[in-house]
Amino acid sequence: EVQLQASGGGLVQAGGSLRLSCAASGFTFEDYAVAWYRQGPGEPREGVACISSADGTIYYLDSVKGRFTISRDRAKNTAYLQVNSLKREDTAVYYCAARRNFTVATMTRPFDYYSMDYWGLGTQVTVSS
């Protein structure tokens, strides 16, 4: 059974940090790019970051560049999203997702154009002022 389990969300003050984790099982993790998405209240879902399956190239949404860092630990079948300098507008449910053999460096369209193969349940991040 394929599973992507996101965790690590919470309530944090503006300027604070969290580390989100995405534990994968049921598929060959190393063959998949892993992405983080978020959906805020009344907002469409948007891709926040993605780390490629093969070459490790990374995509970031412009508004999170310099504040968020995506990484993966192949030995633990887990991906992470370190979120720093949080702002109120970062409040959202954060989801992790995976797509087989996807490489950021070969994108020819905006990231959100590409569909994902697997999705996990989200983890809530709430940033207070």
N, C-alpha and C. Protein backbone atom coordinates (compact mmCIF):
# COMPACT_ATOMS: atom_id res chain seq x y z
N GLU A 1 0.85 -1.19 0.00
CA GLU A 1 0.00 0.00 0.00
C GLU A 1 0.88 1.24 0.00
N VAL A 2 0.64 2.13 -0.95
CA VAL A 2 1.39 3.38 -1.03
C VAL A 2 0.92 4.34 0.06
N GLN A 3 1.89 4.89 0.77
CA GLN A 3 1.56 5.88 1.79
C GLN A 3 2.56 7.02 1.77
N LEU A 4 2.05 8.21 1.92
CA LEU A 4 2.85 9.41 2.16
C LEU A 4 2.26 10.07 3.39
N GLN A 5 3.04 10.11 4.44
CA GLN A 5 2.53 10.62 5.70
C GLN A 5 3.26 11.90 6.06
N ALA A 6 2.55 13.01 5.99
CA ALA A 6 3.14 14.30 6.35
C ALA A 6 2.92 14.56 7.83
N SER A 7 3.90 15.18 8.46
CA SER A 7 3.80 15.52 9.88
C SER A 7 4.69 16.72 10.16
N GLY A 8 4.55 17.24 11.36
CA GLY A 8 5.43 18.33 11.78
C GLY A 8 4.79 19.70 11.79
N GLY A 9 3.55 19.79 11.35
CA GLY A 9 2.88 21.08 11.35
C GLY A 9 2.55 21.52 12.77
N GLY A 10 2.05 22.73 12.88
CA GLY A 10 1.68 23.25 14.19
C GLY A 10 1.38 24.72 14.14
N LEU A 11 1.24 25.27 15.33
CA LEU A 11 0.99 26.70 15.49
C LEU A 11 2.31 27.36 15.87
N VAL A 12 2.68 28.37 15.13
CA VAL A 12 3.96 29.04 15.38
C VAL A 12 3.79 30.55 15.17
N GLN A 13 4.56 31.31 15.88
CA GLN A 13 4.51 32.75 15.71
C GLN A 13 5.25 33.18 14.44
N ALA A 14 4.85 34.29 13.91
CA ALA A 14 5.53 34.84 12.74
C ALA A 14 7.02 34.97 13.04
N GLY A 15 7.82 34.57 12.07
CA GLY A 15 9.26 34.56 12.26
C GLY A 15 9.81 33.24 12.74
N GLY A 16 8.92 32.35 13.14
CA GLY A 16 9.34 31.07 13.67
C GLY A 16 9.63 30.04 12.59
N SER A 17 9.94 28.83 13.03
CA SER A 17 10.33 27.76 12.12
C SER A 17 9.63 26.46 12.48
N LEU A 18 9.54 25.62 11.48
CA LEU A 18 9.04 24.26 11.65
C LEU A 18 9.81 23.36 10.70
N ARG A 19 9.82 22.09 11.01
CA ARG A 19 10.37 21.11 10.08
C ARG A 19 9.29 20.09 9.77
N LEU A 20 8.84 20.09 8.55
CA LEU A 20 7.82 19.15 8.10
C LEU A 20 8.51 17.90 7.57
N SER A 21 7.92 16.75 7.85
CA SER A 21 8.44 15.48 7.37
C SER A 21 7.41 14.77 6.52
N CYS A 22 7.89 14.01 5.56
CA CYS A 22 7.02 13.22 4.70
C CYS A 22 7.60 11.81 4.63
N ALA A 23 6.98 10.90 5.32
CA ALA A 23 7.45 9.51 5.34
C ALA A 23 6.76 8.71 4.25
N ALA A 24 7.55 8.07 3.40
CA ALA A 24 7.01 7.34 2.26
C ALA A 24 7.14 5.84 2.45
N SER A 25 6.16 5.10 1.95
CA SER A 25 6.23 3.65 1.98
C SER A 25 5.38 3.08 0.85
N GLY A 26 5.68 1.85 0.47
CA GLY A 26 4.87 1.18 -0.54
C GLY A 26 5.30 1.42 -1.97
N PHE A 27 6.38 2.18 -2.17
CA PHE A 27 6.90 2.38 -3.52
C PHE A 27 8.40 2.66 -3.42
N THR A 28 9.07 2.60 -4.56
CA THR A 28 10.52 2.80 -4.59
C THR A 28 10.83 4.28 -4.51
N PHE A 29 11.08 4.72 -3.31
CA PHE A 29 11.21 6.15 -3.00
C PHE A 29 12.24 6.84 -3.87
N GLU A 30 13.36 6.18 -4.12
CA GLU A 30 14.45 6.83 -4.84
C GLU A 30 14.10 7.11 -6.30
N ASP A 31 13.08 6.48 -6.82
CA ASP A 31 12.68 6.68 -8.21
C ASP A 31 11.70 7.84 -8.38
N TYR A 32 11.33 8.45 -7.28
CA TYR A 32 10.30 9.47 -7.30
C TYR A 32 10.82 10.83 -6.84
N ALA A 33 10.42 11.85 -7.57
CA ALA A 33 10.57 13.21 -7.06
C ALA A 33 9.54 13.41 -5.96
N VAL A 34 9.90 14.21 -4.98
CA VAL A 34 8.98 14.51 -3.88
C VAL A 34 8.71 16.01 -3.86
N ALA A 35 7.46 16.34 -3.71
CA ALA A 35 7.06 17.74 -3.71
C ALA A 35 6.23 18.07 -2.49
N TRP A 36 6.30 19.32 -2.13
CA TRP A 36 5.42 19.87 -1.08
C TRP A 36 4.49 20.87 -1.73
N TYR A 37 3.22 20.76 -1.39
CA TYR A 37 2.21 21.70 -1.82
C TYR A 37 1.57 22.31 -0.58
N ARG A 38 0.85 23.38 -0.79
CA ARG A 38 0.07 23.95 0.31
C ARG A 38 -1.23 24.53 -0.23
N GLN A 39 -2.19 24.57 0.66
CA GLN A 39 -3.46 25.19 0.32
C GLN A 39 -3.94 25.98 1.51
N GLY A 40 -3.97 27.29 1.34
CA GLY A 40 -4.44 28.17 2.40
C GLY A 40 -5.94 28.34 2.32
N PRO A 41 -6.54 28.94 3.34
CA PRO A 41 -7.98 29.16 3.39
C PRO A 41 -8.45 29.96 2.18
N GLY A 42 -9.37 29.39 1.42
CA GLY A 42 -9.92 30.09 0.28
C GLY A 42 -8.97 30.26 -0.88
N GLU A 43 -7.85 29.55 -0.84
CA GLU A 43 -6.84 29.70 -1.87
C GLU A 43 -6.70 28.40 -2.68
N PRO A 44 -6.24 28.50 -3.91
CA PRO A 44 -5.97 27.27 -4.66
C PRO A 44 -4.70 26.60 -4.14
N ARG A 45 -4.59 25.33 -4.38
CA ARG A 45 -3.38 24.61 -4.00
C ARG A 45 -2.22 25.08 -4.88
N GLU A 46 -1.05 25.20 -4.26
CA GLU A 46 0.13 25.62 -5.02
C GLU A 46 1.34 24.78 -4.64
N GLY A 47 2.18 24.53 -5.61
CA GLY A 47 3.41 23.80 -5.36
C GLY A 47 4.43 24.72 -4.68
N VAL A 48 4.98 24.27 -3.61
CA VAL A 48 5.91 25.06 -2.82
C VAL A 48 7.36 24.69 -3.12
N ALA A 49 7.63 23.41 -3.21
CA ALA A 49 9.00 22.95 -3.45
C ALA A 49 8.96 21.54 -3.99
N CYS A 50 10.00 21.19 -4.72
CA CYS A 50 10.10 19.84 -5.26
C CYS A 50 11.57 19.48 -5.38
N ILE A 51 11.90 18.25 -5.02
CA ILE A 51 13.26 17.76 -5.19
C ILE A 51 13.22 16.57 -6.14
N SER A 52 14.07 16.60 -7.14
CA SER A 52 14.02 15.62 -8.21
C SER A 52 14.39 14.22 -7.73
N SER A 53 14.02 13.25 -8.55
CA SER A 53 14.31 11.87 -8.21
C SER A 53 15.77 11.51 -8.47
N ALA A 54 16.31 11.97 -9.58
CA ALA A 54 17.63 11.50 -9.98
C ALA A 54 18.76 12.45 -9.61
N ASP A 55 18.66 13.69 -10.08
CA ASP A 55 19.81 14.58 -9.94
C ASP A 55 19.71 15.54 -8.77
N GLY A 56 18.62 15.49 -8.04
CA GLY A 56 18.49 16.32 -6.86
C GLY A 56 18.20 17.78 -7.12
N THR A 57 17.91 18.12 -8.39
CA THR A 57 17.59 19.52 -8.66
C THR A 57 16.28 19.89 -7.97
N ILE A 58 16.20 21.15 -7.63
CA ILE A 58 15.13 21.61 -6.74
C ILE A 58 14.38 22.78 -7.34
N TYR A 59 13.08 22.77 -7.12
CA TYR A 59 12.21 23.88 -7.46
C TYR A 59 11.69 24.49 -6.17
N TYR A 60 11.62 25.83 -6.16
CA TYR A 60 10.95 26.55 -5.08
C TYR A 60 9.99 27.57 -5.65
N LEU A 61 8.86 27.69 -5.01
CA LEU A 61 7.96 28.80 -5.29
C LEU A 61 8.69 30.09 -4.94
N ASP A 62 8.54 31.11 -5.77
CA ASP A 62 9.30 32.34 -5.56
C ASP A 62 9.12 32.91 -4.16
N SER A 63 7.91 32.85 -3.64
CA SER A 63 7.64 33.50 -2.36
C SER A 63 8.28 32.79 -1.17
N VAL A 64 8.82 31.59 -1.38
CA VAL A 64 9.44 30.87 -0.26
C VAL A 64 10.96 30.74 -0.42
N LYS A 65 11.48 31.20 -1.55
CA LYS A 65 12.93 31.09 -1.77
C LYS A 65 13.69 31.82 -0.67
N GLY A 66 14.70 31.16 -0.17
CA GLY A 66 15.51 31.73 0.90
C GLY A 66 14.95 31.47 2.29
N ARG A 67 13.72 30.98 2.37
CA ARG A 67 13.11 30.69 3.67
C ARG A 67 12.83 29.21 3.87
N PHE A 68 12.50 28.52 2.80
CA PHE A 68 12.16 27.10 2.87
C PHE A 68 13.28 26.28 2.24
N THR A 69 13.50 25.10 2.79
CA THR A 69 14.50 24.18 2.24
C THR A 69 13.93 22.78 2.18
N ILE A 70 13.95 22.20 1.00
CA ILE A 70 13.50 20.83 0.82
C ILE A 70 14.70 19.90 0.78
N SER A 71 14.54 18.73 1.35
CA SER A 71 15.62 17.74 1.33
C SER A 71 14.99 16.35 1.39
N ARG A 72 15.83 15.34 1.18
CA ARG A 72 15.33 13.98 1.27
C ARG A 72 16.42 13.08 1.85
N ASP A 73 16.00 12.08 2.58
CA ASP A 73 16.91 11.09 3.15
C ASP A 73 16.48 9.75 2.56
N ARG A 74 17.22 9.29 1.58
CA ARG A 74 16.84 8.05 0.89
C ARG A 74 16.89 6.84 1.81
N ALA A 75 17.79 6.85 2.75
CA ALA A 75 17.89 5.72 3.67
C ALA A 75 16.66 5.60 4.55
N LYS A 76 16.03 6.72 4.83
CA LYS A 76 14.85 6.72 5.71
C LYS A 76 13.55 6.83 4.92
N ASN A 77 13.65 6.89 3.60
CA ASN A 77 12.44 7.07 2.77
C ASN A 77 11.61 8.26 3.24
N THR A 78 12.31 9.33 3.53
CA THR A 78 11.63 10.49 4.10
C THR A 78 12.13 11.76 3.42
N ALA A 79 11.20 12.66 3.18
CA ALA A 79 11.55 13.99 2.68
C ALA A 79 11.19 15.01 3.75
N TYR A 80 11.83 16.15 3.67
CA TYR A 80 11.64 17.19 4.68
C TYR A 80 11.41 18.53 4.01
N LEU A 81 10.73 19.39 4.74
CA LEU A 81 10.63 20.78 4.33
C LEU A 81 10.89 21.62 5.58
N GLN A 82 12.06 22.24 5.59
CA GLN A 82 12.39 23.16 6.68
C GLN A 82 11.81 24.52 6.32
N VAL A 83 10.95 25.02 7.18
CA VAL A 83 10.29 26.30 6.90
C VAL A 83 10.72 27.29 7.96
N ASN A 84 11.41 28.33 7.53
CA ASN A 84 11.93 29.36 8.43
C ASN A 84 11.30 30.71 8.11
N SER A 85 11.49 31.63 9.04
CA SER A 85 10.98 33.00 8.85
C SER A 85 9.54 33.00 8.39
N LEU A 86 8.73 32.24 9.09
CA LEU A 86 7.34 32.06 8.66
C LEU A 86 6.56 33.36 8.73
N LYS A 87 5.66 33.49 7.77
CA LYS A 87 4.79 34.66 7.67
C LYS A 87 3.34 34.19 7.78
N ARG A 88 2.47 35.11 8.11
CA ARG A 88 1.06 34.74 8.24
C ARG A 88 0.54 34.13 6.95
N GLU A 89 1.02 34.63 5.83
CA GLU A 89 0.54 34.11 4.55
C GLU A 89 1.03 32.70 4.23
N ASP A 90 1.90 32.17 5.08
CA ASP A 90 2.31 30.77 4.93
C ASP A 90 1.31 29.82 5.59
N THR A 91 0.33 30.36 6.28
CA THR A 91 -0.68 29.52 6.91
C THR A 91 -1.42 28.70 5.86
N ALA A 92 -1.41 27.40 6.03
CA ALA A 92 -2.00 26.50 5.03
C ALA A 92 -1.92 25.07 5.53
N VAL A 93 -2.63 24.20 4.84
CA VAL A 93 -2.40 22.77 4.98
C VAL A 93 -1.31 22.40 3.98
N TYR A 94 -0.28 21.76 4.47
CA TYR A 94 0.85 21.36 3.64
C TYR A 94 0.76 19.87 3.33
N TYR A 95 0.90 19.55 2.05
CA TYR A 95 0.80 18.18 1.57
C TYR A 95 2.13 17.76 0.93
N CYS A 96 2.46 16.50 1.06
CA CYS A 96 3.55 16.00 0.25
C CYS A 96 3.00 15.09 -0.84
N ALA A 97 3.74 15.02 -1.92
CA ALA A 97 3.31 14.25 -3.09
C ALA A 97 4.54 13.70 -3.80
N ALA A 98 4.33 12.74 -4.66
CA ALA A 98 5.47 12.12 -5.36
C ALA A 98 5.11 11.85 -6.81
N ARG A 99 6.11 11.99 -7.67
CA ARG A 99 5.94 11.71 -9.09
C ARG A 99 7.16 10.95 -9.59
N ARG A 100 6.91 9.87 -10.29
CA ARG A 100 7.98 8.98 -10.73
C ARG A 100 8.82 9.63 -11.82
N ASN A 101 10.15 9.49 -11.65
CA ASN A 101 11.11 9.92 -12.67
C ASN A 101 10.91 11.35 -13.13
N PHE A 102 10.69 12.22 -12.19
CA PHE A 102 10.48 13.64 -12.51
C PHE A 102 11.73 14.42 -12.14
N THR A 103 12.17 15.25 -13.08
CA THR A 103 13.37 16.04 -12.86
C THR A 103 13.06 17.51 -13.05
N VAL A 104 13.29 18.28 -12.01
CA VAL A 104 13.00 19.71 -12.05
C VAL A 104 13.73 20.39 -13.21
N ALA A 105 14.96 19.97 -13.46
CA ALA A 105 15.78 20.63 -14.46
C ALA A 105 15.20 20.52 -15.88
N THR A 106 14.30 19.58 -16.10
CA THR A 106 13.74 19.38 -17.44
C THR A 106 12.36 20.01 -17.59
N MET A 107 11.92 20.75 -16.58
CA MET A 107 10.59 21.38 -16.68
C MET A 107 10.57 22.38 -17.82
N THR A 108 9.51 22.34 -18.59
CA THR A 108 9.30 23.31 -19.65
C THR A 108 8.06 24.16 -19.41
N ARG A 109 7.35 23.85 -18.33
CA ARG A 109 6.14 24.60 -17.98
C ARG A 109 6.20 24.91 -16.49
N PRO A 110 5.33 25.79 -16.02
CA PRO A 110 5.29 26.06 -14.59
C PRO A 110 5.09 24.79 -13.79
N PHE A 111 5.65 24.73 -12.61
CA PHE A 111 5.65 23.51 -11.83
C PHE A 111 4.24 22.95 -11.61
N ASP A 112 3.27 23.82 -11.34
CA ASP A 112 1.93 23.34 -11.03
C ASP A 112 1.23 22.71 -12.24
N TYR A 113 1.81 22.79 -13.39
CA TYR A 113 1.27 22.12 -14.56
C TYR A 113 1.41 20.60 -14.44
N TYR A 114 2.42 20.15 -13.74
CA TYR A 114 2.76 18.73 -13.67
C TYR A 114 1.95 18.03 -12.58
N SER A 115 1.36 16.90 -12.93
CA SER A 115 0.56 16.16 -11.96
C SER A 115 1.45 15.22 -11.16
N MET A 116 1.00 14.86 -10.00
CA MET A 116 1.72 13.94 -9.13
C MET A 116 1.06 12.56 -9.15
N ASP A 117 1.86 11.54 -8.88
CA ASP A 117 1.34 10.17 -8.88
C ASP A 117 0.69 9.81 -7.54
N TYR A 118 1.30 10.27 -6.48
CA TYR A 118 0.81 9.92 -5.14
C TYR A 118 0.69 11.17 -4.28
N TRP A 119 -0.30 11.13 -3.42
CA TRP A 119 -0.53 12.24 -2.49
C TRP A 119 -0.70 11.70 -1.08
N GLY A 120 -0.26 12.49 -0.14
CA GLY A 120 -0.50 12.16 1.25
C GLY A 120 -1.50 13.11 1.87
N LEU A 121 -1.91 12.80 3.06
CA LEU A 121 -2.75 13.71 3.82
C LEU A 121 -1.89 14.87 4.29
N GLY A 122 -2.52 15.96 4.58
CA GLY A 122 -1.78 17.16 4.90
C GLY A 122 -1.49 17.33 6.37
N THR A 123 -0.66 18.32 6.64
CA THR A 123 -0.37 18.75 7.99
C THR A 123 -0.58 20.26 8.05
N GLN A 124 -1.27 20.70 9.09
CA GLN A 124 -1.66 22.10 9.19
C GLN A 124 -0.51 22.94 9.75
N VAL A 125 -0.22 24.03 9.07
CA VAL A 125 0.72 25.03 9.57
C VAL A 125 -0.05 26.33 9.76
N THR A 126 -0.04 26.83 10.98
CA THR A 126 -0.73 28.07 11.29
C THR A 126 0.28 29.06 11.87
N VAL A 127 0.36 30.21 11.24
CA VAL A 127 1.31 31.24 11.67
C VAL A 127 0.53 32.39 12.28
N SER A 128 0.82 32.70 13.51
CA SER A 128 0.14 33.79 14.20
C SER A 128 1.03 35.02 14.22
N SER A 129 0.39 36.18 14.32
CA SER A 129 1.16 37.43 14.34
C SER A 129 1.60 37.77 15.75
